[in-house]
Amino acid sequence: MSDETKIVIAHKDNKGSIGVQSEDCDPIFRTFEGDLGSGLERVPGVLEEARQLWETNSQYPKCESPLPSQAAPAKAPGQTTRAATTSRQTPMF
């Protein structure tokens, strides 16, 4: 784990989020309510929580399940591919 840590704080309408990320580690996000000062007070605790998490499990396990088929789904009998016309405008082409 790198010593460099990135901390991002977003705040709007008395609500905010704190994001913490370090190289080769998954980021963590926490939300807070209140002014920006109350969010800044939470930063050391969120940072400590992230560091403890990264010591035991720096990254989430990779997904090993197969991807769903990318083939087009089969059409039901009587189903058409033409979209329903919702406009009274005459098509130009």
N, C-alpha and C. Protein backbone atom coordinates (compact mmCIF):
# COMPACT_ATOMS: atom_id res chain seq x y z
N MET A 1 0.84 -1.17 0.00
CA MET A 1 0.00 0.00 0.00
C MET A 1 0.89 1.24 0.00
N SER A 2 0.52 2.21 -0.83
CA SER A 2 1.27 3.45 -0.96
C SER A 2 0.98 4.38 0.21
N ASP A 3 1.93 5.28 0.50
CA ASP A 3 1.72 6.27 1.56
C ASP A 3 0.83 7.41 1.07
N GLU A 4 0.67 7.55 -0.25
CA GLU A 4 -0.15 8.62 -0.80
C GLU A 4 -1.63 8.26 -0.70
N THR A 5 -2.41 9.17 -0.18
CA THR A 5 -3.85 8.96 -0.02
C THR A 5 -4.58 10.15 -0.62
N LYS A 6 -5.63 9.86 -1.37
CA LYS A 6 -6.45 10.91 -1.97
C LYS A 6 -7.75 11.00 -1.19
N ILE A 7 -8.12 12.21 -0.77
CA ILE A 7 -9.35 12.43 -0.02
C ILE A 7 -10.18 13.45 -0.79
N VAL A 8 -11.43 13.10 -1.08
CA VAL A 8 -12.32 13.99 -1.82
C VAL A 8 -13.56 14.23 -0.97
N ILE A 9 -13.92 15.51 -0.84
CA ILE A 9 -15.11 15.88 -0.09
C ILE A 9 -16.04 16.65 -1.02
N ALA A 10 -17.29 16.22 -1.08
CA ALA A 10 -18.32 16.94 -1.83
C ALA A 10 -19.39 17.37 -0.83
N HIS A 11 -19.88 18.60 -0.99
CA HIS A 11 -20.86 19.11 -0.03
C HIS A 11 -21.89 19.99 -0.76
N LYS A 12 -23.17 19.74 -0.47
CA LYS A 12 -24.25 20.55 -1.06
C LYS A 12 -25.49 20.41 -0.19
N ASP A 13 -26.16 21.51 0.04
CA ASP A 13 -27.44 21.52 0.76
C ASP A 13 -27.37 20.78 2.10
N ASN A 14 -26.33 21.04 2.85
CA ASN A 14 -26.17 20.47 4.20
C ASN A 14 -25.99 18.94 4.20
N LYS A 15 -25.58 18.38 3.07
CA LYS A 15 -25.25 16.96 2.97
C LYS A 15 -23.95 16.83 2.21
N GLY A 16 -23.21 15.79 2.52
CA GLY A 16 -21.95 15.63 1.83
C GLY A 16 -21.46 14.20 1.80
N SER A 17 -20.36 14.01 1.09
CA SER A 17 -19.74 12.69 1.03
C SER A 17 -18.22 12.85 1.12
N ILE A 18 -17.61 11.82 1.67
CA ILE A 18 -16.16 11.79 1.81
C ILE A 18 -15.67 10.53 1.11
N GLY A 19 -14.74 10.68 0.20
CA GLY A 19 -14.15 9.54 -0.50
C GLY A 19 -12.68 9.47 -0.17
N VAL A 20 -12.18 8.25 0.07
CA VAL A 20 -10.76 8.05 0.40
C VAL A 20 -10.23 6.95 -0.51
N GLN A 21 -9.08 7.21 -1.13
CA GLN A 21 -8.50 6.23 -2.04
C GLN A 21 -6.99 6.24 -1.91
N SER A 22 -6.40 5.06 -2.07
CA SER A 22 -4.95 4.91 -2.09
C SER A 22 -4.60 3.97 -3.24
N GLU A 23 -3.39 4.08 -3.74
CA GLU A 23 -2.97 3.28 -4.88
C GLU A 23 -3.11 1.78 -4.58
N ASP A 24 -3.64 1.03 -5.54
CA ASP A 24 -3.84 -0.42 -5.44
C ASP A 24 -4.85 -0.81 -4.36
N CYS A 25 -5.70 0.12 -3.96
CA CYS A 25 -6.75 -0.17 -2.98
C CYS A 25 -8.08 0.35 -3.50
N ASP A 26 -9.14 -0.36 -3.16
CA ASP A 26 -10.46 0.11 -3.54
C ASP A 26 -10.83 1.31 -2.68
N PRO A 27 -11.50 2.31 -3.28
CA PRO A 27 -11.90 3.48 -2.50
C PRO A 27 -13.06 3.17 -1.56
N ILE A 28 -13.21 3.98 -0.53
CA ILE A 28 -14.39 3.89 0.32
C ILE A 28 -15.07 5.26 0.34
N PHE A 29 -16.38 5.25 0.50
CA PHE A 29 -17.18 6.47 0.53
C PHE A 29 -18.06 6.46 1.77
N ARG A 30 -18.16 7.59 2.41
CA ARG A 30 -19.05 7.76 3.55
C ARG A 30 -19.81 9.07 3.37
N THR A 31 -21.04 9.11 3.84
CA THR A 31 -21.85 10.31 3.74
C THR A 31 -21.96 10.98 5.11
N PHE A 32 -22.30 12.25 5.10
CA PHE A 32 -22.52 12.97 6.34
C PHE A 32 -23.57 14.05 6.13
N GLU A 33 -24.15 14.49 7.21
CA GLU A 33 -25.10 15.59 7.17
C GLU A 33 -24.56 16.71 8.04
N GLY A 34 -24.79 17.94 7.63
CA GLY A 34 -24.31 19.09 8.37
C GLY A 34 -23.47 19.98 7.49
N ASP A 35 -22.85 20.97 8.10
CA ASP A 35 -22.03 21.89 7.32
C ASP A 35 -20.68 21.25 6.97
N LEU A 36 -19.92 21.98 6.18
CA LEU A 36 -18.63 21.46 5.74
C LEU A 36 -17.70 21.19 6.91
N GLY A 37 -17.79 22.00 7.95
CA GLY A 37 -16.95 21.80 9.14
C GLY A 37 -17.19 20.45 9.79
N SER A 38 -18.46 20.04 9.86
CA SER A 38 -18.75 18.72 10.45
C SER A 38 -18.20 17.61 9.58
N GLY A 39 -18.18 17.82 8.27
CA GLY A 39 -17.58 16.83 7.38
C GLY A 39 -16.08 16.74 7.56
N LEU A 40 -15.44 17.91 7.70
CA LEU A 40 -13.99 17.92 7.90
C LEU A 40 -13.60 17.24 9.21
N GLU A 41 -14.44 17.34 10.23
CA GLU A 41 -14.17 16.66 11.50
C GLU A 41 -14.21 15.15 11.35
N ARG A 42 -14.98 14.65 10.38
CA ARG A 42 -15.10 13.20 10.18
C ARG A 42 -13.96 12.60 9.37
N VAL A 43 -13.20 13.44 8.67
CA VAL A 43 -12.14 12.94 7.78
C VAL A 43 -11.14 12.04 8.49
N PRO A 44 -10.58 12.41 9.64
CA PRO A 44 -9.61 11.50 10.29
C PRO A 44 -10.19 10.12 10.60
N GLY A 45 -11.44 10.06 11.03
CA GLY A 45 -12.06 8.76 11.33
C GLY A 45 -12.28 7.93 10.08
N VAL A 46 -12.71 8.57 8.99
CA VAL A 46 -12.92 7.85 7.72
C VAL A 46 -11.58 7.36 7.19
N LEU A 47 -10.55 8.19 7.30
CA LEU A 47 -9.22 7.80 6.85
C LEU A 47 -8.69 6.61 7.65
N GLU A 48 -8.87 6.62 8.95
CA GLU A 48 -8.44 5.49 9.78
C GLU A 48 -9.22 4.22 9.44
N GLU A 49 -10.52 4.37 9.23
CA GLU A 49 -11.35 3.22 8.84
C GLU A 49 -10.85 2.62 7.53
N ALA A 50 -10.52 3.48 6.56
CA ALA A 50 -10.02 3.01 5.27
C ALA A 50 -8.70 2.27 5.44
N ARG A 51 -7.80 2.83 6.20
CA ARG A 51 -6.49 2.18 6.39
C ARG A 51 -6.61 0.83 7.06
N GLN A 52 -7.50 0.71 8.03
CA GLN A 52 -7.71 -0.59 8.68
C GLN A 52 -8.30 -1.60 7.70
N LEU A 53 -9.24 -1.15 6.89
CA LEU A 53 -9.84 -2.03 5.89
C LEU A 53 -8.80 -2.48 4.88
N TRP A 54 -7.97 -1.56 4.42
CA TRP A 54 -6.96 -1.88 3.42
C TRP A 54 -5.88 -2.82 3.94
N GLU A 55 -5.60 -2.80 5.23
CA GLU A 55 -4.61 -3.72 5.79
C GLU A 55 -5.07 -5.17 5.68
N THR A 56 -6.36 -5.39 5.85
CA THR A 56 -6.87 -6.77 5.81
C THR A 56 -7.38 -7.17 4.43
N ASN A 57 -7.93 -6.21 3.68
CA ASN A 57 -8.52 -6.53 2.38
C ASN A 57 -8.48 -5.28 1.51
N SER A 58 -7.37 -5.11 0.78
CA SER A 58 -7.19 -3.87 0.03
C SER A 58 -8.10 -3.75 -1.18
N GLN A 59 -8.50 -4.89 -1.75
CA GLN A 59 -9.37 -4.85 -2.92
C GLN A 59 -10.47 -5.88 -2.79
N TYR A 60 -11.62 -5.52 -3.35
CA TYR A 60 -12.73 -6.46 -3.36
C TYR A 60 -12.36 -7.64 -4.25
N PRO A 61 -12.89 -8.82 -3.98
CA PRO A 61 -12.57 -9.96 -4.85
C PRO A 61 -13.07 -9.72 -6.27
N LYS A 62 -12.30 -10.21 -7.24
CA LYS A 62 -12.71 -10.07 -8.63
C LYS A 62 -13.88 -10.98 -8.92
N CYS A 63 -14.74 -10.53 -9.80
CA CYS A 63 -15.92 -11.31 -10.20
C CYS A 63 -15.46 -12.50 -11.05
N GLU A 64 -15.83 -13.69 -10.65
CA GLU A 64 -15.44 -14.90 -11.38
C GLU A 64 -16.61 -15.51 -12.14
N SER A 65 -17.80 -14.94 -12.02
CA SER A 65 -18.96 -15.51 -12.70
C SER A 65 -18.91 -15.16 -14.19
N PRO A 66 -19.47 -16.04 -15.02
CA PRO A 66 -19.44 -15.78 -16.46
C PRO A 66 -20.34 -14.59 -16.81
N LEU A 67 -19.96 -13.89 -17.86
CA LEU A 67 -20.77 -12.76 -18.32
C LEU A 67 -22.03 -13.28 -19.00
N PRO A 68 -23.11 -12.51 -18.96
CA PRO A 68 -24.32 -12.93 -19.67
C PRO A 68 -24.06 -12.92 -21.17
N SER A 69 -24.84 -13.69 -21.88
CA SER A 69 -24.70 -13.79 -23.33
C SER A 69 -24.92 -12.42 -23.97
N GLN A 70 -24.11 -12.11 -24.96
CA GLN A 70 -24.25 -10.85 -25.68
C GLN A 70 -25.10 -11.01 -26.94
N ALA A 71 -25.59 -12.21 -27.18
CA ALA A 71 -26.44 -12.45 -28.35
C ALA A 71 -27.79 -11.75 -28.15
N ALA A 72 -28.40 -11.38 -29.27
CA ALA A 72 -29.71 -10.72 -29.20
C ALA A 72 -30.74 -11.71 -28.67
N PRO A 73 -31.65 -11.28 -27.81
CA PRO A 73 -32.66 -12.19 -27.28
C PRO A 73 -33.61 -12.67 -28.38
N ALA A 74 -34.09 -13.88 -28.23
CA ALA A 74 -35.03 -14.43 -29.21
C ALA A 74 -36.33 -13.65 -29.16
N LYS A 75 -36.97 -13.49 -30.31
CA LYS A 75 -38.23 -12.76 -30.39
C LYS A 75 -39.39 -13.73 -30.23
N ALA A 76 -40.39 -13.28 -29.54
CA ALA A 76 -41.60 -14.08 -29.37
C ALA A 76 -42.37 -14.08 -30.69
N PRO A 77 -43.12 -15.15 -30.97
CA PRO A 77 -43.91 -15.20 -32.22
C PRO A 77 -44.87 -14.01 -32.29
N GLY A 78 -44.92 -13.39 -33.46
CA GLY A 78 -45.81 -12.25 -33.66
C GLY A 78 -45.22 -10.93 -33.23
N GLN A 79 -44.05 -10.95 -32.65
CA GLN A 79 -43.41 -9.72 -32.21
C GLN A 79 -42.67 -9.09 -33.37
N THR A 80 -42.83 -7.77 -33.55
CA THR A 80 -42.15 -7.09 -34.65
C THR A 80 -41.02 -6.25 -34.10
N THR A 81 -40.11 -5.88 -34.99
CA THR A 81 -38.99 -5.06 -34.57
C THR A 81 -39.25 -3.58 -34.83
N ARG A 82 -40.30 -3.24 -35.57
CA ARG A 82 -40.61 -1.85 -35.88
C ARG A 82 -41.19 -1.16 -34.65
N ALA A 83 -40.66 -0.01 -34.33
CA ALA A 83 -41.15 0.74 -33.17
C ALA A 83 -42.52 1.32 -33.46
N ALA A 84 -43.34 1.41 -32.46
CA ALA A 84 -44.67 1.98 -32.62
C ALA A 84 -44.56 3.46 -32.92
N THR A 85 -45.36 3.94 -33.85
CA THR A 85 -45.34 5.34 -34.24
C THR A 85 -46.23 6.13 -33.29
N THR A 86 -45.64 7.15 -32.69
CA THR A 86 -46.41 7.97 -31.74
C THR A 86 -46.65 9.36 -32.31
N SER A 87 -46.13 9.63 -33.50
CA SER A 87 -46.26 10.96 -34.09
C SER A 87 -47.16 10.89 -35.32
N ARG A 88 -47.84 11.97 -35.58
CA ARG A 88 -48.68 12.03 -36.78
C ARG A 88 -47.90 12.60 -37.96
N GLN A 89 -46.65 12.90 -37.75
CA GLN A 89 -45.83 13.47 -38.80
C GLN A 89 -45.47 12.39 -39.81
N THR A 90 -45.57 12.75 -41.09
CA THR A 90 -45.25 11.82 -42.17
C THR A 90 -43.74 11.64 -42.23
N PRO A 91 -43.27 10.38 -42.26
CA PRO A 91 -41.84 10.18 -42.34
C PRO A 91 -41.29 10.68 -43.67
N MET A 92 -40.10 11.25 -43.63
CA MET A 92 -39.50 11.80 -44.85
C MET A 92 -38.65 10.79 -45.60
N PHE A 93 -38.25 9.75 -44.96
CA PHE A 93 -37.41 8.76 -45.62
C PHE A 93 -37.97 7.38 -45.41
